[in-house]
Amino acid sequence: MRRPAPLAGILAAFLACAALPAPAQVADLRSTTEFRVCADPAAVPMSAEDGSGFENRIAQLFGEKLGVPVVYTWFPQGSGFIRKTLRAGLCDVVIGYAQGDELVQNTNHYYTSAYGIVTRKDSPLASVETLEDPALKGHPIGVVAGTPPATNLARAGLAKDMRGWDLFVDRRVENPIGDMLAQVKSSELAAAVVWGPLAGPLVKADPDLQFTPLLKETSGPRMFFRITMGVRLGEDEWKRQLNSLIRRHQDEIDAILRDAGVPILDDYGKGLKP
């Protein structure tokens, strides 16, 4: 069964592994004449080789503020992504990376988002706001294996209703998220639980679908994550420079995210950011 990867640029890098160069060596890797970005060429709507992703737009914003061109190292998200790109010195930043992972040094977060439920607007499940809602029982629900919502669905007794997708696929040759939402649109799936930055932009473009962020879960893994930019460990000056750009241009970043349809939450994942 083909299964999608809702975290794309966030969780894929978590599987990378390699010895980290010593800080003195790492500090020499960053380019001062280009804004060098590591990205998946087909992680639509986040990053895309044609530059249409919202992470591409944020990268372009930062390149303009730094006064240098944006240059990409394209590599599909999956095992070895960080090792073969950022740690290999081929690029200097990953635009979207979950806060707290040890493979990279995180900047300050530049947005917070959450998993949510995608349904048809005319579905009897359109009012569901939690995975514990008994209305979900007996309906086929799309979810990505190994992600936090899969745990909560199983705890709610919905394991038999879950339809699983793989966490990592090569999106250059597959369109798993599009396929998943197409099944919701056709009612083959009653609902799908998808990472908001992936689902939001796609749902925004479809008048038949809606996205409801999971803000009211009472147990199990948290559904929201703070998203940062990832740089190499030891590159503290570079991290501070990016933190300054995030702080000074947060309104412009928010505008890009909102225009794309990304659901932006407050820092505590309790509600939508004003």
C-alpha atoms as a PDB file:
ATOM      1  CA  MET A   1       0.000   0.000   0.000  1.00  0.00           C
ATOM      2  CA  ARG A   2       1.310   3.440  -0.888  1.00  0.00           C
ATOM      3  CA  ARG A   3       1.433   5.791   2.078  1.00  0.00           C
ATOM      4  CA  PRO A   4       2.317   9.485   2.344  1.00  0.00           C
ATOM      5  CA  ALA A   5       4.802  11.394   4.454  1.00  0.00           C
ATOM      6  CA  PRO A   6       3.037  14.243   6.243  1.00  0.00           C
ATOM      7  CA  LEU A   7       6.097  15.670   7.891  1.00  0.00           C
ATOM      8  CA  ALA A   8       8.213  15.748   4.717  1.00  0.00           C
ATOM      9  CA  GLY A   9      10.931  18.306   5.506  1.00  0.00           C
ATOM     10  CA  ILE A  10      10.507  17.846   9.255  1.00  0.00           C
ATOM     11  CA  LEU A  11      10.735  14.147  10.145  1.00  0.00           C
ATOM     12  CA  ALA A  12      12.754  12.886   7.181  1.00  0.00           C
ATOM     13  CA  ALA A  13      15.969  14.354   8.486  1.00  0.00           C
ATOM     14  CA  PHE A  14      15.508  12.594  11.822  1.00  0.00           C
ATOM     15  CA  LEU A  15      16.741   9.330  10.301  1.00  0.00           C
ATOM     16  CA  ALA A  16      19.993  10.765   8.971  1.00  0.00           C
ATOM     17  CA  CYS A  17      23.127   9.718  10.828  1.00  0.00           C
ATOM     18  CA  ALA A  18      26.806  10.540  10.554  1.00  0.00           C
ATOM     19  CA  ALA A  19      29.739  11.718  12.615  1.00  0.00           C
ATOM     20  CA  LEU A  20      29.672  15.472  13.091  1.00  0.00           C
ATOM     21  CA  PRO A  21      32.783  17.414  12.017  1.00  0.00           C
ATOM     22  CA  ALA A  22      34.632  19.297  14.746  1.00  0.00           C
ATOM     23  CA  PRO A  23      33.336  22.850  15.306  1.00  0.00           C
ATOM     24  CA  ALA A  24      36.532  24.436  13.980  1.00  0.00           C
ATOM     25  CA  GLN A  25      36.069  22.614  10.693  1.00  0.00           C
ATOM     26  CA  VAL A  26      32.330  23.226  10.510  1.00  0.00           C
ATOM     27  CA  ALA A  27      32.725  26.999  10.840  1.00  0.00           C
ATOM     28  CA  ASP A  28      34.580  27.143   7.523  1.00  0.00           C
ATOM     29  CA  LEU A  29      31.800  25.472   5.535  1.00  0.00           C
ATOM     30  CA  ARG A  30      29.257  28.296   5.352  1.00  0.00           C
ATOM     31  CA  SER A  31      29.180  30.358   2.180  1.00  0.00           C
ATOM     32  CA  THR A  32      29.213  34.136   2.539  1.00  0.00           C
ATOM     33  CA  THR A  33      28.322  34.808  -1.097  1.00  0.00           C
ATOM     34  CA  GLU A  34      25.249  32.545  -1.466  1.00  0.00           C
ATOM     35  CA  PHE A  35      22.278  31.535   0.668  1.00  0.00           C
ATOM     36  CA  ARG A  36      22.724  27.785   0.252  1.00  0.00           C
ATOM     37  CA  VAL A  37      19.605  25.757   1.065  1.00  0.00           C
ATOM     38  CA  CYS A  38      19.116  21.989   1.433  1.00  0.00           C
ATOM     39  CA  ALA A  39      15.640  20.961   0.223  1.00  0.00           C
ATOM     40  CA  ASP A  40      13.512  18.220  -1.251  1.00  0.00           C
ATOM     41  CA  PRO A  41      12.770  18.999  -4.933  1.00  0.00           C
ATOM     42  CA  ALA A  42       9.230  17.607  -4.736  1.00  0.00           C
ATOM     43  CA  ALA A  43       7.917  18.228  -1.200  1.00  0.00           C
ATOM     44  CA  VAL A  44       4.969  20.258  -2.458  1.00  0.00           C
ATOM     45  CA  PRO A  45       3.552  22.503  -1.052  1.00  0.00           C
ATOM     46  CA  MET A  46       6.589  23.130   1.186  1.00  0.00           C
ATOM     47  CA  SER A  47       9.508  22.972  -1.232  1.00  0.00           C
ATOM     48  CA  ALA A  48       9.647  22.437  -4.967  1.00  0.00           C
ATOM     49  CA  GLU A  49      12.356  22.628  -7.608  1.00  0.00           C
ATOM     50  CA  ASP A  50      10.303  25.197  -9.530  1.00  0.00           C
ATOM     51  CA  GLY A  51      10.410  27.522  -6.508  1.00  0.00           C
ATOM     52  CA  SER A  52       6.666  27.422  -5.831  1.00  0.00           C
ATOM     53  CA  GLY A  53       6.795  26.081  -2.260  1.00  0.00           C
ATOM     54  CA  PHE A  54       6.281  28.340   0.732  1.00  0.00           C
ATOM     55  CA  GLU A  55       9.702  27.348   2.071  1.00  0.00           C
ATOM     56  CA  ASN A  56      11.160  28.475  -1.255  1.00  0.00           C
ATOM     57  CA  ARG A  57       9.497  31.845  -0.774  1.00  0.00           C
ATOM     58  CA  ILE A  58      10.932  32.172   2.742  1.00  0.00           C
ATOM     59  CA  ALA A  59      14.375  31.242   1.417  1.00  0.00           C
ATOM     60  CA  GLN A  60      14.026  33.905  -1.266  1.00  0.00           C
ATOM     61  CA  LEU A  61      13.051  36.466   1.390  1.00  0.00           C
ATOM     62  CA  PHE A  62      16.153  35.664   3.421  1.00  0.00           C
ATOM     63  CA  GLY A  63      18.409  35.733   0.369  1.00  0.00           C
ATOM     64  CA  GLU A  64      17.111  39.194  -0.469  1.00  0.00           C
ATOM     65  CA  LYS A  65      17.652  40.441   3.087  1.00  0.00           C
ATOM     66  CA  LEU A  66      21.202  39.035   3.064  1.00  0.00           C
ATOM     67  CA  GLY A  67      21.879  40.465  -0.387  1.00  0.00           C
ATOM     68  CA  VAL A  68      22.979  37.141  -1.875  1.00  0.00           C
ATOM     69  CA  PRO A  69      21.455  34.674  -4.377  1.00  0.00           C
ATOM     70  CA  VAL A  70      19.607  31.576  -3.172  1.00  0.00           C
ATOM     71  CA  VAL A  71      21.285  28.339  -4.308  1.00  0.00           C
ATOM     72  CA  TYR A  72      19.771  24.900  -3.693  1.00  0.00           C
ATOM     73  CA  THR A  73      21.135  21.431  -3.070  1.00  0.00           C
ATOM     74  CA  TRP A  74      18.223  19.174  -3.994  1.00  0.00           C
ATOM     75  CA  PHE A  75      17.923  15.816  -2.270  1.00  0.00           C
ATOM     76  CA  PRO A  76      14.814  13.702  -1.517  1.00  0.00           C
ATOM     77  CA  GLN A  77      13.802  13.656   2.143  1.00  0.00           C
ATOM     78  CA  GLY A  78      14.648  10.363   3.778  1.00  0.00           C
ATOM     79  CA  SER A  79      17.458   8.500   5.427  1.00  0.00           C
ATOM     80  CA  GLY A  80      20.763  10.300   4.931  1.00  0.00           C
ATOM     81  CA  PHE A  81      19.261  13.674   3.999  1.00  0.00           C
ATOM     82  CA  ILE A  82      21.211  15.708   6.585  1.00  0.00           C
ATOM     83  CA  ARG A  83      24.374  13.626   6.261  1.00  0.00           C
ATOM     84  CA  LYS A  84      24.520  13.989   2.486  1.00  0.00           C
ATOM     85  CA  THR A  85      23.592  17.664   2.304  1.00  0.00           C
ATOM     86  CA  LEU A  86      24.044  19.896   5.366  1.00  0.00           C
ATOM     87  CA  ARG A  87      26.766  17.908   7.092  1.00  0.00           C
ATOM     88  CA  ALA A  88      28.578  17.318   3.812  1.00  0.00           C
ATOM     89  CA  GLY A  89      28.978  21.078   3.441  1.00  0.00           C
ATOM     90  CA  LEU A  90      26.912  21.268   0.249  1.00  0.00           C
ATOM     91  CA  CYS A  91      24.476  23.752   1.791  1.00  0.00           C
ATOM     92  CA  ASP A  92      24.113  25.797   4.968  1.00  0.00           C
ATOM     93  CA  VAL A  93      20.492  25.691   6.109  1.00  0.00           C
ATOM     94  CA  VAL A  94      17.341  23.548   6.087  1.00  0.00           C
ATOM     95  CA  ILE A  95      14.402  25.948   6.011  1.00  0.00           C
ATOM     96  CA  GLY A  96      11.860  23.724   7.806  1.00  0.00           C
ATOM     97  CA  TYR A  97      13.027  21.567  10.731  1.00  0.00           C
ATOM     98  CA  ALA A  98      11.271  20.490  13.929  1.00  0.00           C
ATOM     99  CA  GLN A  99      12.568  22.035  17.126  1.00  0.00           C
ATOM    100  CA  GLY A 100      14.568  19.777  19.418  1.00  0.00           C
ATOM    101  CA  ASP A 101      16.246  17.275  17.107  1.00  0.00           C
ATOM    102  CA  GLU A 102      19.956  16.618  17.727  1.00  0.00           C
ATOM    103  CA  LEU A 103      21.077  16.171  14.108  1.00  0.00           C
ATOM    104  CA  VAL A 104      21.112  19.914  13.544  1.00  0.00           C
ATOM    105  CA  GLN A 105      21.384  23.102  15.562  1.00  0.00           C
ATOM    106  CA  ASN A 106      17.966  24.740  15.645  1.00  0.00           C
ATOM    107  CA  THR A 107      17.364  28.431  15.146  1.00  0.00           C
ATOM    108  CA  ASN A 108      14.503  30.065  16.993  1.00  0.00           C
ATOM    109  CA  HIS A 109      11.204  28.764  15.658  1.00  0.00           C
ATOM    110  CA  TYR A 110       9.541  30.822  12.956  1.00  0.00           C
ATOM    111  CA  TYR A 111       6.115  29.206  13.168  1.00  0.00           C
ATOM    112  CA  THR A 112       4.102  26.608  15.062  1.00  0.00           C
ATOM    113  CA  SER A 113       1.621  24.289  13.394  1.00  0.00           C
ATOM    114  CA  ALA A 114      -0.259  21.074  14.076  1.00  0.00           C
ATOM    115  CA  TYR A 115      -1.730  17.931  12.645  1.00  0.00           C
ATOM    116  CA  GLY A 116      -5.378  18.153  11.735  1.00  0.00           C
ATOM    117  CA  ILE A 117      -8.330  16.347  10.227  1.00  0.00           C
ATOM    118  CA  VAL A 118      -9.210  16.745   6.555  1.00  0.00           C
ATOM    119  CA  THR A 119     -12.820  16.005   5.630  1.00  0.00           C
ATOM    120  CA  ARG A 120     -15.307  16.996   3.002  1.00  0.00           C
ATOM    121  CA  LYS A 121     -17.182  20.131   4.023  1.00  0.00           C
ATOM    122  CA  ASP A 122     -20.470  18.249   3.551  1.00  0.00           C
ATOM    123  CA  SER A 123     -19.290  15.212   5.528  1.00  0.00           C
ATOM    124  CA  PRO A 124     -21.062  14.132   8.736  1.00  0.00           C
ATOM    125  CA  LEU A 125     -17.557  14.183  10.254  1.00  0.00           C
ATOM    126  CA  ALA A 126     -16.979  17.837   9.367  1.00  0.00           C
ATOM    127  CA  SER A 127     -17.578  18.934  12.978  1.00  0.00           C
ATOM    128  CA  VAL A 128     -15.078  16.466  14.507  1.00  0.00           C
ATOM    129  CA  GLU A 129     -12.330  18.248  16.465  1.00  0.00           C
ATOM    130  CA  THR A 130     -10.616  15.417  18.356  1.00  0.00           C
ATOM    131  CA  LEU A 131      -9.467  11.913  17.531  1.00  0.00           C
ATOM    132  CA  GLU A 132     -11.407  10.633  20.553  1.00  0.00           C
ATOM    133  CA  ASP A 133     -14.723  11.627  18.989  1.00  0.00           C
ATOM    134  CA  PRO A 134     -16.882   8.465  18.767  1.00  0.00           C
ATOM    135  CA  ALA A 135     -18.277   9.726  15.452  1.00  0.00           C
ATOM    136  CA  LEU A 136     -15.040   8.524  13.806  1.00  0.00           C
ATOM    137  CA  LYS A 137     -15.665   4.872  14.631  1.00  0.00           C
ATOM    138  CA  GLY A 138     -16.476   2.660  11.693  1.00  0.00           C
ATOM    139  CA  HIS A 139     -15.185   5.124   9.098  1.00  0.00           C
ATOM    140  CA  PRO A 140     -11.973   4.676   7.073  1.00  0.00           C
ATOM    141  CA  ILE A 141      -9.396   7.219   8.199  1.00  0.00           C
ATOM    142  CA  GLY A 142      -6.123   7.926   6.419  1.00  0.00           C
ATOM    143  CA  VAL A 143      -3.061   8.375   8.618  1.00  0.00           C
ATOM    144  CA  VAL A 144       0.690   8.037   8.327  1.00  0.00           C
ATOM    145  CA  ALA A 145       2.164   5.092  10.191  1.00  0.00           C
ATOM    146  CA  GLY A 146       4.439   6.032  13.066  1.00  0.00           C
ATOM    147  CA  THR A 147       3.212   9.604  13.449  1.00  0.00           C
ATOM    148  CA  PRO A 148       1.588  11.046  16.621  1.00  0.00           C
ATOM    149  CA  PRO A 149      -1.991  10.904  15.282  1.00  0.00           C
ATOM    150  CA  ALA A 150      -1.618   7.181  14.542  1.00  0.00           C
ATOM    151  CA  THR A 151      -0.900   6.619  18.230  1.00  0.00           C
ATOM    152  CA  ASN A 152      -3.931   8.629  19.313  1.00  0.00           C
ATOM    153  CA  LEU A 153      -6.212   6.909  16.827  1.00  0.00           C
ATOM    154  CA  ALA A 154      -5.087   3.507  18.084  1.00  0.00           C
ATOM    155  CA  ARG A 155      -5.634   4.593  21.712  1.00  0.00           C
ATOM    156  CA  ALA A 156      -9.139   5.706  20.764  1.00  0.00           C
ATOM    157  CA  GLY A 157      -9.917   2.190  19.529  1.00  0.00           C
ATOM    158  CA  LEU A 158      -9.790   3.121  15.852  1.00  0.00           C
ATOM    159  CA  ALA A 159      -6.943   0.845  14.770  1.00  0.00           C
ATOM    160  CA  LYS A 160      -9.215  -1.226  12.540  1.00  0.00           C
ATOM    161  CA  ASP A 161     -10.462   1.928  10.821  1.00  0.00           C
ATOM    162  CA  MET A 162      -7.008   3.297  10.035  1.00  0.00           C
ATOM    163  CA  ARG A 163      -5.650   3.213   6.487  1.00  0.00           C
ATOM    164  CA  GLY A 164      -1.875   3.587   6.643  1.00  0.00           C
ATOM    165  CA  TRP A 165       0.601   5.399   4.426  1.00  0.00           C
ATOM    166  CA  ASP A 166       4.393   5.212   4.607  1.00  0.00           C
ATOM    167  CA  LEU A 167       6.353   7.962   6.292  1.00  0.00           C
ATOM    168  CA  PHE A 168       8.988   8.313   3.561  1.00  0.00           C
ATOM    169  CA  VAL A 169       8.469   8.101  -0.187  1.00  0.00           C
ATOM    170  CA  ASP A 170      10.246   9.628  -3.160  1.00  0.00           C
ATOM    171  CA  ARG A 171       7.830  12.364  -4.051  1.00  0.00           C
ATOM    172  CA  ARG A 172       9.533  12.965  -7.376  1.00  0.00           C
ATOM    173  CA  VAL A 173       7.714   9.886  -8.687  1.00  0.00           C
ATOM    174  CA  GLU A 174       4.724   9.682  -6.314  1.00  0.00           C
ATOM    175  CA  ASN A 175       2.106  12.133  -5.086  1.00  0.00           C
ATOM    176  CA  PRO A 176       1.049  10.537  -1.803  1.00  0.00           C
ATOM    177  CA  ILE A 177      -0.527  13.543  -0.111  1.00  0.00           C
ATOM    178  CA  GLY A 178      -2.456  14.401  -3.250  1.00  0.00           C
ATOM    179  CA  ASP A 179      -3.625  10.788  -3.513  1.00  0.00           C
ATOM    180  CA  MET A 180      -4.693  10.754   0.123  1.00  0.00           C
ATOM    181  CA  LEU A 181      -6.744  13.931  -0.141  1.00  0.00           C
ATOM    182  CA  ALA A 182      -8.225  12.741  -3.421  1.00  0.00           C
ATOM    183  CA  GLN A 183      -9.588   9.727  -1.546  1.00  0.00           C
ATOM    184  CA  VAL A 184     -11.203  12.038   1.002  1.00  0.00           C
ATOM    185  CA  LYS A 185     -12.707  14.099  -1.800  1.00  0.00           C
ATOM    186  CA  SER A 186     -14.129  10.963  -3.453  1.00  0.00           C
ATOM    187  CA  SER A 187     -15.331   9.659  -0.046  1.00  0.00           C
ATOM    188  CA  GLU A 188     -13.166   6.557  -0.328  1.00  0.00           C
ATOM    189  CA  LEU A 189     -11.745   7.866   2.946  1.00  0.00           C
ATOM    190  CA  ALA A 190     -14.056   9.550   5.424  1.00  0.00           C
ATOM    191  CA  ALA A 191     -11.191  11.619   6.793  1.00  0.00           C
ATOM    192  CA  ALA A 192      -7.422  11.949   6.773  1.00  0.00           C
ATOM    193  CA  VAL A 193      -5.154  13.108   9.586  1.00  0.00           C
ATOM    194  CA  VAL A 194      -2.352  15.117   8.002  1.00  0.00           C
ATOM    195  CA  TRP A 195       0.407  17.542   9.034  1.00  0.00           C
ATOM    196  CA  GLY A 196      -1.058  21.037   8.714  1.00  0.00           C
ATOM    197  CA  PRO A 197       1.641  22.684   6.560  1.00  0.00           C
ATOM    198  CA  LEU A 198       1.121  19.938   3.985  1.00  0.00           C
ATOM    199  CA  ALA A 199      -2.654  19.731   4.122  1.00  0.00           C
ATOM    200  CA  GLY A 200      -3.542  23.398   4.603  1.00  0.00           C
ATOM    201  CA  PRO A 201      -2.277  24.719   1.259  1.00  0.00           C
ATOM    202  CA  LEU A 202      -3.814  21.806  -0.657  1.00  0.00           C
ATOM    203  CA  VAL A 203      -7.167  22.136   1.103  1.00  0.00           C
ATOM    204  CA  LYS A 204      -7.171  25.893   0.507  1.00  0.00           C
ATOM    205  CA  ALA A 205      -7.174  25.173  -3.219  1.00  0.00           C
ATOM    206  CA  ASP A 206     -10.096  22.707  -3.004  1.00  0.00           C
ATOM    207  CA  PRO A 207     -13.581  24.095  -2.261  1.00  0.00           C
ATOM    208  CA  ASP A 208     -14.911  20.671  -1.243  1.00  0.00           C
ATOM    209  CA  LEU A 209     -12.430  20.020   1.586  1.00  0.00           C
ATOM    210  CA  GLN A 210     -11.714  21.503   5.003  1.00  0.00           C
ATOM    211  CA  PHE A 211      -8.866  21.239   7.515  1.00  0.00           C
ATOM    212  CA  THR A 212      -9.495  21.258  11.276  1.00  0.00           C
ATOM    213  CA  PRO A 213      -6.358  21.514  13.452  1.00  0.00           C
ATOM    214  CA  LEU A 214      -6.190  19.113  16.391  1.00  0.00           C
ATOM    215  CA  LEU A 215      -6.073  21.606  19.247  1.00  0.00           C
ATOM    216  CA  LYS A 216      -8.202  19.718  21.793  1.00  0.00           C
ATOM    217  CA  GLU A 217      -6.457  16.373  22.260  1.00  0.00           C
ATOM    218  CA  THR A 218      -6.443  15.427  25.955  1.00  0.00           C
ATOM    219  CA  SER A 219      -3.966  12.545  25.930  1.00  0.00           C
ATOM    220  CA  GLY A 220      -1.218  10.895  23.930  1.00  0.00           C
ATOM    221  CA  PRO A 221       1.534  12.597  21.931  1.00  0.00           C
ATOM    222  CA  ARG A 222       1.203  16.293  21.283  1.00  0.00           C
ATOM    223  CA  MET A 223      -0.134  17.260  17.889  1.00  0.00           C
ATOM    224  CA  PHE A 224       1.720  20.555  17.430  1.00  0.00           C
ATOM    225  CA  PHE A 225       5.366  21.305  16.614  1.00  0.00           C
ATOM    226  CA  ARG A 226       7.501  24.435  16.532  1.00  0.00           C
ATOM    227  CA  ILE A 227       9.337  24.723  13.234  1.00  0.00           C
ATOM    228  CA  THR A 228      12.840  26.153  13.022  1.00  0.00           C
ATOM    229  CA  MET A 229      15.651  26.375  10.521  1.00  0.00           C
ATOM    230  CA  GLY A 230      18.414  23.810  10.909  1.00  0.00           C
ATOM    231  CA  VAL A 231      22.129  24.613  10.685  1.00  0.00           C
ATOM    232  CA  ARG A 232      25.264  22.658  11.525  1.00  0.00           C
ATOM    233  CA  LEU A 233      26.252  22.275  15.173  1.00  0.00           C
ATOM    234  CA  GLY A 234      29.000  24.726  16.050  1.00  0.00           C
ATOM    235  CA  GLU A 235      27.832  27.451  13.669  1.00  0.00           C
ATOM    236  CA  ASP A 236      26.590  29.724  16.453  1.00  0.00           C
ATOM    237  CA  GLU A 237      27.240  33.001  14.650  1.00  0.00           C
ATOM    238  CA  TRP A 238      25.254  31.803  11.628  1.00  0.00           C
ATOM    239  CA  LYS A 239      22.411  30.703  13.894  1.00  0.00           C
ATOM    240  CA  ARG A 240      22.355  34.132  15.564  1.00  0.00           C
ATOM    241  CA  GLN A 241      22.267  35.830  12.172  1.00  0.00           C
ATOM    242  CA  LEU A 242      19.280  33.721  11.110  1.00  0.00           C
ATOM    243  CA  ASN A 243      17.572  34.345  14.454  1.00  0.00           C
ATOM    244  CA  SER A 244      17.931  38.070  13.846  1.00  0.00           C
ATOM    245  CA  LEU A 245      16.370  37.736  10.397  1.00  0.00           C
ATOM    246  CA  ILE A 246      13.483  35.695  11.797  1.00  0.00           C
ATOM    247  CA  ARG A 247      12.838  38.254  14.538  1.00  0.00           C
ATOM    248  CA  ARG A 248      13.012  41.292  12.249  1.00  0.00           C
ATOM    249  CA  HIS A 249      10.950  39.781   9.447  1.00  0.00           C
ATOM    250  CA  GLN A 250       8.434  37.631  11.330  1.00  0.00           C
ATOM    251  CA  ASP A 251       5.491  39.568   9.888  1.00  0.00           C
ATOM    252  CA  GLU A 252       6.693  38.885   6.344  1.00  0.00           C
ATOM    253  CA  ILE A 253       7.213  35.212   7.143  1.00  0.00           C
ATOM    254  CA  ASP A 254       3.703  34.991   8.602  1.00  0.00           C
ATOM    255  CA  ALA A 255       2.305  36.646   5.470  1.00  0.00           C
ATOM    256  CA  ILE A 256       3.968  34.020   3.258  1.00  0.00           C
ATOM    257  CA  LEU A 257       2.644  31.175   5.410  1.00  0.00           C
ATOM    258  CA  ARG A 258      -0.886  32.554   5.557  1.00  0.00           C
ATOM    259  CA  ASP A 259      -0.949  33.226   1.829  1.00  0.00           C
ATOM    260  CA  ALA A 260       0.053  29.595   1.252  1.00  0.00           C
ATOM    261  CA  GLY A 261      -2.704  28.322   3.548  1.00  0.00           C
ATOM    262  CA  VAL A 262      -0.478  27.053   6.365  1.00  0.00           C
ATOM    263  CA  PRO A 263      -2.354  26.915   9.701  1.00  0.00           C
ATOM    264  CA  ILE A 264      -0.230  28.995  12.118  1.00  0.00           C
ATOM    265  CA  LEU A 265      -0.757  28.437  15.841  1.00  0.00           C
ATOM    266  CA  ASP A 266       0.311  30.315  18.945  1.00  0.00           C
ATOM    267  CA  ASP A 267       3.527  29.079  20.554  1.00  0.00           C
ATOM    268  CA  TYR A 268       1.663  26.699  22.865  1.00  0.00           C
ATOM    269  CA  GLY A 269      -0.474  25.027  20.199  1.00  0.00           C
ATOM    270  CA  LYS A 270      -3.690  26.165  21.878  1.00  0.00           C
ATOM    271  CA  GLY A 271      -5.196  28.276  19.123  1.00  0.00           C
ATOM    272  CA  LEU A 272      -4.643  30.003  15.810  1.00  0.00           C
ATOM    273  CA  LYS A 273      -2.120  32.830  15.880  1.00  0.00           C
ATOM    274  CA  PRO A 274      -3.804  36.254  15.664  1.00  0.00           C
END
